[in-house]
Amino acid sequence: MLVERINDYRITYILTKYSRGETMDKYLKILDTTKNIIAPGSRCTTSKIIEESVEDVLINKYGDKWRDKEDLFINCYEILRKKFHVDTYNGDIPYFYSMYYMLLNIPKIQLVLLQLMRMKKLSRNMKILDVGSGVGTTSIGILDIIALFEHLCGLYEHESFFDSIVVDSIEGSAAN
């Protein structure tokens, strides 16, 4: 009788251990797949959804020929690079920022979140405070990668990584 109980315990332990390992393997596969999507070959990319959304905003502001406004965008770049001050962050500057800097910075935010996920430093109930949110780079980047996580969790038949996510944004400039 005792031998049967020990054998039952061993079988239960092995099944539990295998099940945890399989879950961990799926978790790591999801993180690896996410990294390969946002930084294939260590080159950061931005999702097509975000790129197309930024383009829609630019078309709504400047029309279909927004790409022809090169002088305007060069001027915005110079303002941001040389004499940026909160008072200069108005007019065309936020549009330029979303077209150029936001698309560069979103993958950086996503890679940091991915690193925190790999180290298991995030709670299932995540709350983020974005101070100086500007055009929403942090919020957009986080929501984009969370959507990717959700799709990959479904693909790998893994439970969702998060139960709730709250992003609060604070911005001092009324132009944003």
N, C-alpha and C. Protein backbone atom coordinates (compact mmCIF):
# COMPACT_ATOMS: atom_id res chain seq x y z
N MET A 1 0.82 -1.19 0.00
CA MET A 1 0.00 0.00 0.00
C MET A 1 0.87 1.26 0.00
N LEU A 2 1.89 1.30 0.83
CA LEU A 2 2.79 2.44 0.91
C LEU A 2 3.53 2.64 -0.41
N VAL A 3 3.95 1.55 -1.03
CA VAL A 3 4.66 1.62 -2.31
C VAL A 3 3.75 2.23 -3.37
N GLU A 4 2.46 1.85 -3.37
CA GLU A 4 1.53 2.40 -4.34
C GLU A 4 1.37 3.91 -4.13
N ARG A 5 1.28 4.36 -2.87
CA ARG A 5 1.16 5.79 -2.58
C ARG A 5 2.40 6.54 -3.05
N ILE A 6 3.58 5.97 -2.80
CA ILE A 6 4.82 6.60 -3.25
C ILE A 6 4.83 6.69 -4.77
N ASN A 7 4.44 5.63 -5.45
CA ASN A 7 4.40 5.63 -6.91
C ASN A 7 3.39 6.65 -7.42
N ASP A 8 2.21 6.73 -6.75
CA ASP A 8 1.21 7.73 -7.14
C ASP A 8 1.78 9.14 -6.97
N TYR A 9 2.48 9.37 -5.86
CA TYR A 9 3.10 10.67 -5.60
C TYR A 9 4.11 10.99 -6.69
N ARG A 10 4.95 10.01 -7.04
CA ARG A 10 5.96 10.24 -8.08
C ARG A 10 5.31 10.58 -9.41
N ILE A 11 4.28 9.86 -9.74
CA ILE A 11 3.59 10.13 -11.01
C ILE A 11 2.99 11.53 -10.98
N THR A 12 2.33 11.88 -9.88
CA THR A 12 1.75 13.21 -9.74
C THR A 12 2.84 14.28 -9.83
N TYR A 13 3.95 14.07 -9.14
CA TYR A 13 5.06 15.02 -9.15
C TYR A 13 5.61 15.18 -10.57
N ILE A 14 5.82 14.07 -11.25
CA ILE A 14 6.37 14.13 -12.61
C ILE A 14 5.41 14.85 -13.54
N LEU A 15 4.11 14.55 -13.43
CA LEU A 15 3.13 15.22 -14.27
C LEU A 15 3.08 16.71 -13.97
N THR A 16 3.12 17.09 -12.70
CA THR A 16 3.11 18.50 -12.32
C THR A 16 4.37 19.20 -12.82
N LYS A 17 5.50 18.54 -12.64
CA LYS A 17 6.77 19.12 -13.09
C LYS A 17 6.76 19.29 -14.61
N TYR A 18 6.27 18.29 -15.33
CA TYR A 18 6.22 18.38 -16.78
C TYR A 18 5.27 19.50 -17.21
N SER A 19 4.12 19.57 -16.55
CA SER A 19 3.14 20.60 -16.88
C SER A 19 3.72 21.99 -16.66
N ARG A 20 4.42 22.22 -15.55
CA ARG A 20 5.04 23.53 -15.29
C ARG A 20 6.11 23.83 -16.34
N GLY A 21 6.90 22.83 -16.69
CA GLY A 21 7.95 23.02 -17.70
C GLY A 21 7.36 23.37 -19.05
N GLU A 22 6.27 22.70 -19.39
CA GLU A 22 5.61 22.97 -20.67
C GLU A 22 5.06 24.39 -20.68
N THR A 23 4.46 24.83 -19.57
CA THR A 23 3.95 26.19 -19.46
C THR A 23 5.09 27.19 -19.59
N MET A 24 6.22 26.90 -18.93
CA MET A 24 7.38 27.80 -19.00
C MET A 24 7.93 27.84 -20.42
N ASP A 25 7.96 26.70 -21.09
CA ASP A 25 8.43 26.67 -22.47
C ASP A 25 7.55 27.55 -23.35
N LYS A 26 6.24 27.45 -23.17
CA LYS A 26 5.31 28.28 -23.95
C LYS A 26 5.53 29.75 -23.65
N TYR A 27 5.71 30.07 -22.37
CA TYR A 27 5.96 31.45 -21.95
C TYR A 27 7.19 32.00 -22.67
N LEU A 28 8.28 31.24 -22.63
CA LEU A 28 9.52 31.69 -23.28
C LEU A 28 9.38 31.74 -24.79
N LYS A 29 8.62 30.82 -25.37
CA LYS A 29 8.39 30.85 -26.83
C LYS A 29 7.63 32.12 -27.21
N ILE A 30 6.66 32.50 -26.39
CA ILE A 30 5.90 33.71 -26.66
C ILE A 30 6.82 34.93 -26.59
N LEU A 31 7.67 34.98 -25.57
CA LEU A 31 8.60 36.11 -25.44
C LEU A 31 9.60 36.13 -26.60
N ASP A 32 10.12 34.97 -26.98
CA ASP A 32 11.06 34.91 -28.10
C ASP A 32 10.39 35.31 -29.41
N THR A 33 9.18 34.84 -29.63
CA THR A 33 8.45 35.20 -30.85
C THR A 33 8.17 36.70 -30.87
N THR A 34 7.80 37.25 -29.73
CA THR A 34 7.56 38.69 -29.63
C THR A 34 8.82 39.47 -29.99
N LYS A 35 9.96 39.04 -29.45
CA LYS A 35 11.21 39.73 -29.77
C LYS A 35 11.53 39.63 -31.25
N ASN A 36 11.29 38.47 -31.85
CA ASN A 36 11.56 38.30 -33.28
C ASN A 36 10.64 39.16 -34.14
N ILE A 37 9.46 39.47 -33.64
CA ILE A 37 8.53 40.32 -34.39
C ILE A 37 8.91 41.79 -34.25
N ILE A 38 9.23 42.23 -33.03
CA ILE A 38 9.51 43.67 -32.85
C ILE A 38 10.97 44.03 -33.12
N ALA A 39 11.86 43.04 -33.07
CA ALA A 39 13.28 43.32 -33.34
C ALA A 39 13.92 42.16 -34.10
N PRO A 40 13.44 41.90 -35.32
CA PRO A 40 14.03 40.80 -36.09
C PRO A 40 15.49 41.08 -36.41
N GLY A 41 16.35 40.11 -36.10
CA GLY A 41 17.78 40.31 -36.35
C GLY A 41 18.34 41.49 -35.58
N SER A 42 17.77 41.79 -34.43
CA SER A 42 18.18 42.93 -33.58
C SER A 42 17.95 44.29 -34.24
N ARG A 43 17.10 44.34 -35.25
CA ARG A 43 16.70 45.62 -35.86
C ARG A 43 15.28 45.90 -35.45
N CYS A 44 15.07 46.99 -34.78
CA CYS A 44 13.73 47.32 -34.27
C CYS A 44 12.79 47.73 -35.39
N THR A 45 11.55 47.30 -35.25
CA THR A 45 10.51 47.68 -36.20
C THR A 45 9.29 48.14 -35.41
N THR A 46 8.40 48.82 -36.09
CA THR A 46 7.13 49.24 -35.50
C THR A 46 6.02 48.53 -36.25
N SER A 47 4.97 48.18 -35.57
CA SER A 47 3.88 47.44 -36.21
C SER A 47 3.23 48.28 -37.31
N LYS A 48 2.72 47.59 -38.29
CA LYS A 48 2.05 48.24 -39.42
C LYS A 48 0.83 49.03 -38.95
N ILE A 49 0.17 48.53 -37.93
CA ILE A 49 -1.02 49.22 -37.41
C ILE A 49 -0.63 50.62 -36.93
N ILE A 50 0.48 50.71 -36.20
CA ILE A 50 0.92 52.02 -35.70
C ILE A 50 1.37 52.90 -36.85
N GLU A 51 2.17 52.35 -37.77
CA GLU A 51 2.64 53.14 -38.92
C GLU A 51 1.47 53.70 -39.73
N GLU A 52 0.47 52.85 -39.99
CA GLU A 52 -0.69 53.29 -40.76
C GLU A 52 -1.52 54.31 -39.99
N SER A 53 -1.60 54.15 -38.67
CA SER A 53 -2.35 55.11 -37.86
C SER A 53 -1.68 56.48 -37.89
N VAL A 54 -0.35 56.51 -37.77
CA VAL A 54 0.39 57.78 -37.85
C VAL A 54 0.18 58.40 -39.22
N GLU A 55 0.25 57.59 -40.26
CA GLU A 55 0.04 58.12 -41.61
C GLU A 55 -1.37 58.70 -41.75
N ASP A 56 -2.37 58.03 -41.19
CA ASP A 56 -3.75 58.56 -41.23
C ASP A 56 -3.84 59.92 -40.55
N VAL A 57 -3.16 60.07 -39.40
CA VAL A 57 -3.16 61.36 -38.70
C VAL A 57 -2.51 62.43 -39.58
N LEU A 58 -1.40 62.09 -40.22
CA LEU A 58 -0.71 63.06 -41.09
C LEU A 58 -1.55 63.41 -42.31
N ILE A 59 -2.25 62.44 -42.87
CA ILE A 59 -3.13 62.72 -44.01
C ILE A 59 -4.27 63.64 -43.58
N ASN A 60 -4.83 63.38 -42.39
CA ASN A 60 -5.92 64.23 -41.90
C ASN A 60 -5.44 65.67 -41.65
N LYS A 61 -4.20 65.82 -41.23
CA LYS A 61 -3.66 67.16 -40.94
C LYS A 61 -3.17 67.88 -42.19
N TYR A 62 -2.42 67.16 -43.06
CA TYR A 62 -1.73 67.81 -44.18
C TYR A 62 -2.25 67.40 -45.56
N GLY A 63 -3.16 66.45 -45.62
CA GLY A 63 -3.68 65.99 -46.90
C GLY A 63 -2.86 64.82 -47.45
N ASP A 64 -3.31 64.31 -48.58
CA ASP A 64 -2.67 63.14 -49.19
C ASP A 64 -1.20 63.36 -49.56
N LYS A 65 -0.82 64.60 -49.78
CA LYS A 65 0.56 64.89 -50.20
C LYS A 65 1.42 65.34 -49.02
N TRP A 66 1.18 64.78 -47.86
CA TRP A 66 1.92 65.17 -46.66
C TRP A 66 3.41 64.92 -46.81
N ARG A 67 3.80 63.95 -47.63
CA ARG A 67 5.22 63.65 -47.83
C ARG A 67 5.95 64.79 -48.55
N ASP A 68 5.21 65.62 -49.25
CA ASP A 68 5.81 66.74 -49.98
C ASP A 68 6.15 67.92 -49.07
N LYS A 69 5.82 67.84 -47.81
CA LYS A 69 6.05 68.94 -46.86
C LYS A 69 7.43 68.83 -46.23
N GLU A 70 8.42 68.49 -47.01
CA GLU A 70 9.78 68.25 -46.51
C GLU A 70 10.35 69.44 -45.75
N ASP A 71 10.19 70.64 -46.27
CA ASP A 71 10.72 71.84 -45.59
C ASP A 71 10.11 72.01 -44.20
N LEU A 72 8.83 71.78 -44.11
CA LEU A 72 8.14 71.90 -42.83
C LEU A 72 8.73 70.90 -41.82
N PHE A 73 8.92 69.66 -42.25
CA PHE A 73 9.42 68.63 -41.34
C PHE A 73 10.89 68.85 -40.98
N ILE A 74 11.67 69.37 -41.91
CA ILE A 74 13.07 69.70 -41.59
C ILE A 74 13.11 70.81 -40.54
N ASN A 75 12.24 71.81 -40.69
CA ASN A 75 12.15 72.89 -39.70
C ASN A 75 11.76 72.33 -38.33
N CYS A 76 10.80 71.44 -38.30
CA CYS A 76 10.38 70.82 -37.03
C CYS A 76 11.53 70.04 -36.41
N TYR A 77 12.27 69.33 -37.22
CA TYR A 77 13.42 68.56 -36.73
C TYR A 77 14.45 69.49 -36.09
N GLU A 78 14.73 70.58 -36.76
CA GLU A 78 15.70 71.55 -36.24
C GLU A 78 15.24 72.15 -34.92
N ILE A 79 13.96 72.45 -34.81
CA ILE A 79 13.43 73.00 -33.55
C ILE A 79 13.60 71.99 -32.43
N LEU A 80 13.25 70.75 -32.69
CA LEU A 80 13.38 69.72 -31.65
C LEU A 80 14.84 69.46 -31.29
N ARG A 81 15.69 69.50 -32.27
CA ARG A 81 17.10 69.17 -32.04
C ARG A 81 17.87 70.29 -31.35
N LYS A 82 17.60 71.53 -31.74
CA LYS A 82 18.42 72.65 -31.27
C LYS A 82 17.82 73.42 -30.10
N LYS A 83 16.58 73.79 -30.21
CA LYS A 83 16.05 74.71 -29.22
C LYS A 83 14.73 74.22 -28.64
N PHE A 84 14.67 72.96 -28.34
CA PHE A 84 13.42 72.42 -27.80
C PHE A 84 13.14 73.00 -26.42
N HIS A 85 11.95 73.44 -26.25
CA HIS A 85 11.43 73.92 -24.98
C HIS A 85 9.93 73.61 -25.00
N VAL A 86 9.36 73.41 -23.86
CA VAL A 86 7.94 73.04 -23.80
C VAL A 86 7.06 74.02 -24.58
N ASP A 87 7.45 75.28 -24.63
CA ASP A 87 6.66 76.27 -25.37
C ASP A 87 6.73 76.06 -26.88
N THR A 88 7.79 75.42 -27.36
CA THR A 88 7.91 75.19 -28.80
C THR A 88 7.16 73.93 -29.24
N TYR A 89 6.66 73.16 -28.27
CA TYR A 89 6.00 71.90 -28.59
C TYR A 89 4.53 72.15 -28.91
N ASN A 90 4.30 72.79 -30.05
CA ASN A 90 2.94 73.08 -30.50
C ASN A 90 2.93 73.14 -32.01
N GLY A 91 1.80 73.48 -32.58
CA GLY A 91 1.69 73.58 -34.03
C GLY A 91 2.00 72.25 -34.71
N ASP A 92 3.00 72.27 -35.58
CA ASP A 92 3.35 71.07 -36.36
C ASP A 92 4.29 70.12 -35.63
N ILE A 93 4.90 70.56 -34.55
CA ILE A 93 5.91 69.76 -33.85
C ILE A 93 5.36 68.40 -33.38
N PRO A 94 4.20 68.33 -32.72
CA PRO A 94 3.72 67.01 -32.30
C PRO A 94 3.48 66.06 -33.48
N TYR A 95 3.07 66.58 -34.62
CA TYR A 95 2.85 65.74 -35.79
C TYR A 95 4.18 65.18 -36.30
N PHE A 96 5.17 66.06 -36.35
CA PHE A 96 6.49 65.60 -36.76
C PHE A 96 7.02 64.57 -35.77
N TYR A 97 6.87 64.86 -34.48
CA TYR A 97 7.35 63.93 -33.45
C TYR A 97 6.72 62.55 -33.63
N SER A 98 5.41 62.54 -33.87
CA SER A 98 4.74 61.23 -34.03
C SER A 98 5.22 60.52 -35.29
N MET A 99 5.54 61.28 -36.32
CA MET A 99 6.00 60.68 -37.57
C MET A 99 7.42 60.14 -37.44
N TYR A 100 8.25 60.80 -36.70
CA TYR A 100 9.67 60.43 -36.66
C TYR A 100 10.06 59.78 -35.34
N TYR A 101 10.03 60.53 -34.26
CA TYR A 101 10.55 60.02 -32.99
C TYR A 101 9.67 58.94 -32.36
N MET A 102 8.37 59.09 -32.45
CA MET A 102 7.51 58.09 -31.85
C MET A 102 7.76 56.72 -32.46
N LEU A 103 7.89 56.67 -33.79
CA LEU A 103 8.12 55.39 -34.46
C LEU A 103 9.48 54.80 -34.09
N LEU A 104 10.44 55.65 -33.73
CA LEU A 104 11.75 55.15 -33.27
C LEU A 104 11.71 54.68 -31.82
N ASN A 105 10.90 55.34 -31.01
CA ASN A 105 10.90 55.07 -29.57
C ASN A 105 9.97 53.94 -29.13
N ILE A 106 8.94 53.65 -29.89
CA ILE A 106 8.02 52.58 -29.50
C ILE A 106 8.73 51.25 -29.33
N PRO A 107 9.57 50.81 -30.28
CA PRO A 107 10.25 49.52 -30.07
C PRO A 107 11.15 49.52 -28.83
N LYS A 108 11.72 50.67 -28.48
CA LYS A 108 12.56 50.73 -27.27
C LYS A 108 11.72 50.43 -26.03
N ILE A 109 10.56 51.03 -25.97
CA ILE A 109 9.65 50.80 -24.84
C ILE A 109 9.24 49.33 -24.80
N GLN A 110 8.94 48.78 -25.96
CA GLN A 110 8.51 47.39 -26.04
C GLN A 110 9.63 46.43 -25.63
N LEU A 111 10.85 46.73 -26.00
CA LEU A 111 11.97 45.87 -25.61
C LEU A 111 12.21 45.91 -24.10
N VAL A 112 12.02 47.06 -23.48
CA VAL A 112 12.14 47.15 -22.02
C VAL A 112 11.05 46.31 -21.36
N LEU A 113 9.82 46.43 -21.84
CA LEU A 113 8.73 45.63 -21.29
C LEU A 113 9.01 44.14 -21.48
N LEU A 114 9.52 43.78 -22.62
CA LEU A 114 9.87 42.38 -22.89
C LEU A 114 10.95 41.88 -21.94
N GLN A 115 11.93 42.71 -21.67
CA GLN A 115 12.99 42.35 -20.72
C GLN A 115 12.42 42.16 -19.31
N LEU A 116 11.52 43.03 -18.90
CA LEU A 116 10.87 42.90 -17.60
C LEU A 116 10.03 41.62 -17.54
N MET A 117 9.41 41.28 -18.64
CA MET A 117 8.63 40.04 -18.70
C MET A 117 9.55 38.83 -18.54
N ARG A 118 10.67 38.86 -19.23
CA ARG A 118 11.63 37.74 -19.16
C ARG A 118 12.15 37.55 -17.73
N MET A 119 12.35 38.66 -17.02
CA MET A 119 12.84 38.60 -15.63
C MET A 119 11.70 38.38 -14.63
N LYS A 120 10.46 38.30 -15.16
CA LYS A 120 9.27 38.10 -14.32
C LYS A 120 9.12 39.20 -13.27
N LYS A 121 9.32 40.44 -13.70
CA LYS A 121 9.24 41.59 -12.81
C LYS A 121 7.90 42.32 -12.89
N LEU A 122 6.97 41.82 -13.68
CA LEU A 122 5.69 42.51 -13.84
C LEU A 122 4.56 41.73 -13.20
N SER A 123 3.64 42.45 -12.64
CA SER A 123 2.47 41.87 -12.01
C SER A 123 1.43 41.54 -13.09
N ARG A 124 0.53 40.63 -12.78
CA ARG A 124 -0.57 40.32 -13.70
C ARG A 124 -1.54 41.51 -13.79
N ASN A 125 -1.52 42.36 -12.77
CA ASN A 125 -2.31 43.58 -12.76
C ASN A 125 -1.33 44.75 -12.84
N MET A 126 -1.15 45.25 -14.04
CA MET A 126 -0.12 46.25 -14.27
C MET A 126 -0.72 47.65 -14.29
N LYS A 127 -0.04 48.56 -13.61
CA LYS A 127 -0.44 49.97 -13.61
C LYS A 127 0.78 50.79 -13.99
N ILE A 128 0.61 51.65 -15.00
CA ILE A 128 1.72 52.44 -15.53
C ILE A 128 1.35 53.91 -15.46
N LEU A 129 2.28 54.72 -15.01
CA LEU A 129 2.11 56.17 -15.01
C LEU A 129 3.09 56.74 -16.03
N ASP A 130 2.56 57.34 -17.07
CA ASP A 130 3.36 57.93 -18.14
C ASP A 130 3.42 59.43 -17.91
N VAL A 131 4.54 59.90 -17.35
CA VAL A 131 4.71 61.32 -17.05
C VAL A 131 5.36 61.98 -18.26
N GLY A 132 4.75 63.06 -18.73
CA GLY A 132 5.25 63.72 -19.94
C GLY A 132 4.91 62.90 -21.17
N SER A 133 3.67 62.50 -21.26
CA SER A 133 3.24 61.52 -22.26
C SER A 133 3.31 62.01 -23.70
N GLY A 134 3.39 63.31 -23.90
CA GLY A 134 3.52 63.82 -25.27
C GLY A 134 2.39 63.33 -26.16
N VAL A 135 2.76 62.72 -27.29
CA VAL A 135 1.76 62.23 -28.24
C VAL A 135 1.28 60.82 -27.88
N GLY A 136 1.78 60.27 -26.79
CA GLY A 136 1.31 58.97 -26.33
C GLY A 136 2.20 57.81 -26.69
N THR A 137 3.48 58.08 -26.91
CA THR A 137 4.41 57.04 -27.34
C THR A 137 4.40 55.84 -26.40
N THR A 138 4.53 56.07 -25.11
CA THR A 138 4.58 54.96 -24.16
C THR A 138 3.26 54.18 -24.16
N SER A 139 2.15 54.88 -24.09
CA SER A 139 0.85 54.21 -24.06
C SER A 139 0.62 53.39 -25.32
N ILE A 140 0.92 53.96 -26.46
CA ILE A 140 0.71 53.26 -27.73
C ILE A 140 1.63 52.05 -27.82
N GLY A 141 2.89 52.22 -27.45
CA GLY A 141 3.84 51.11 -27.49
C GLY A 141 3.44 49.97 -26.58
N ILE A 142 2.98 50.30 -25.38
CA ILE A 142 2.56 49.26 -24.43
C ILE A 142 1.31 48.55 -24.93
N LEU A 143 0.33 49.31 -25.37
CA LEU A 143 -0.90 48.68 -25.86
C LEU A 143 -0.63 47.80 -27.07
N ASP A 144 0.28 48.23 -27.94
CA ASP A 144 0.63 47.44 -29.12
C ASP A 144 1.26 46.10 -28.72
N ILE A 145 2.22 46.12 -27.81
CA ILE A 145 2.88 44.87 -27.43
C ILE A 145 1.95 43.98 -26.60
N ILE A 146 1.06 44.57 -25.82
CA ILE A 146 0.08 43.77 -25.06
C ILE A 146 -0.84 43.03 -26.04
N ALA A 147 -1.26 43.72 -27.09
CA ALA A 147 -2.10 43.06 -28.11
C ALA A 147 -1.34 41.91 -28.76
N LEU A 148 -0.05 42.12 -29.03
CA LEU A 148 0.77 41.06 -29.60
C LEU A 148 0.89 39.88 -28.64
N PHE A 149 1.13 40.17 -27.35
CA PHE A 149 1.18 39.10 -26.34
C PHE A 149 -0.12 38.31 -26.34
N GLU A 150 -1.25 39.01 -26.37
CA GLU A 150 -2.55 38.33 -26.33
C GLU A 150 -2.73 37.40 -27.52
N HIS A 151 -2.36 37.87 -28.71
CA HIS A 151 -2.48 37.03 -29.91
C HIS A 151 -1.56 35.81 -29.80
N LEU A 152 -0.35 36.01 -29.33
CA LEU A 152 0.59 34.89 -29.21
C LEU A 152 0.18 33.92 -28.11
N CYS A 153 -0.38 34.42 -27.03
CA CYS A 153 -0.90 33.52 -25.98
C CYS A 153 -1.99 32.63 -26.56
N GLY A 154 -2.85 33.21 -27.39
CA GLY A 154 -3.88 32.41 -28.06
C GLY A 154 -3.28 31.39 -29.00
N LEU A 155 -2.28 31.79 -29.75
CA LEU A 155 -1.62 30.89 -30.70
C LEU A 155 -0.94 29.72 -29.99
N TYR A 156 -0.26 30.00 -28.88
CA TYR A 156 0.45 28.96 -28.14
C TYR A 156 -0.41 28.30 -27.06
N GLU A 157 -1.70 28.66 -27.02
CA GLU A 157 -2.63 28.11 -26.02
C GLU A 157 -2.08 28.30 -24.60
N HIS A 158 -1.72 29.51 -24.32
CA HIS A 158 -1.18 29.88 -23.00
C HIS A 158 -2.12 30.91 -22.39
N GLU A 159 -2.25 30.89 -21.07
CA GLU A 159 -3.10 31.89 -20.43
C GLU A 159 -2.54 33.29 -20.66
N SER A 160 -3.43 34.25 -20.64
CA SER A 160 -3.04 35.64 -20.82
C SER A 160 -2.01 36.04 -19.76
N PHE A 161 -1.08 36.92 -20.13
CA PHE A 161 -0.06 37.38 -19.19
C PHE A 161 -0.61 38.35 -18.16
N PHE A 162 -1.68 39.06 -18.52
CA PHE A 162 -2.19 40.12 -17.65
C PHE A 162 -3.68 39.96 -17.40
N ASP A 163 -4.07 40.31 -16.18
CA ASP A 163 -5.49 40.36 -15.84
C ASP A 163 -6.05 41.76 -16.08
N SER A 164 -5.23 42.77 -15.80
CA SER A 164 -5.65 44.15 -16.06
C SER A 164 -4.43 45.02 -16.30
N ILE A 165 -4.65 46.04 -17.12
CA ILE A 165 -3.59 47.00 -17.43
C ILE A 165 -4.22 48.38 -17.39
N VAL A 166 -3.63 49.26 -16.61
CA VAL A 166 -4.09 50.64 -16.51
C VAL A 166 -2.91 51.53 -16.86
N VAL A 167 -3.12 52.43 -17.82
CA VAL A 167 -2.08 53.39 -18.18
C VAL A 167 -2.65 54.78 -17.92
N ASP A 168 -2.04 55.49 -16.99
CA ASP A 168 -2.41 56.88 -16.71
C ASP A 168 -1.35 57.77 -17.34
N SER A 169 -1.79 58.83 -18.00
CA SER A 169 -0.87 59.74 -18.68
C SER A 169 -1.00 61.14 -18.10
N ILE A 170 0.15 61.79 -17.95
CA ILE A 170 0.19 63.18 -17.49
C ILE A 170 1.01 63.95 -18.52
N GLU A 171 0.45 65.03 -19.02
CA GLU A 171 1.16 65.85 -20.00
C GLU A 171 0.94 67.32 -19.66
N GLY A 172 2.03 68.08 -19.64
CA GLY A 172 1.97 69.49 -19.29
C GLY A 172 1.61 70.40 -20.44
N SER A 173 1.84 69.95 -21.68
CA SER A 173 1.57 70.80 -22.83
C SER A 173 0.15 70.62 -23.32
N ALA A 174 -0.57 71.71 -23.46
CA ALA A 174 -1.95 71.64 -23.94
C ALA A 174 -2.02 71.26 -25.42
N ALA A 175 -0.90 71.40 -26.15
CA ALA A 175 -0.90 71.09 -27.59
C ALA A 175 -0.99 69.60 -27.86
N ASN A 176 -0.72 68.79 -26.87
CA ASN A 176 -0.78 67.34 -27.06
C ASN A 176 -2.14 66.86 -26.76
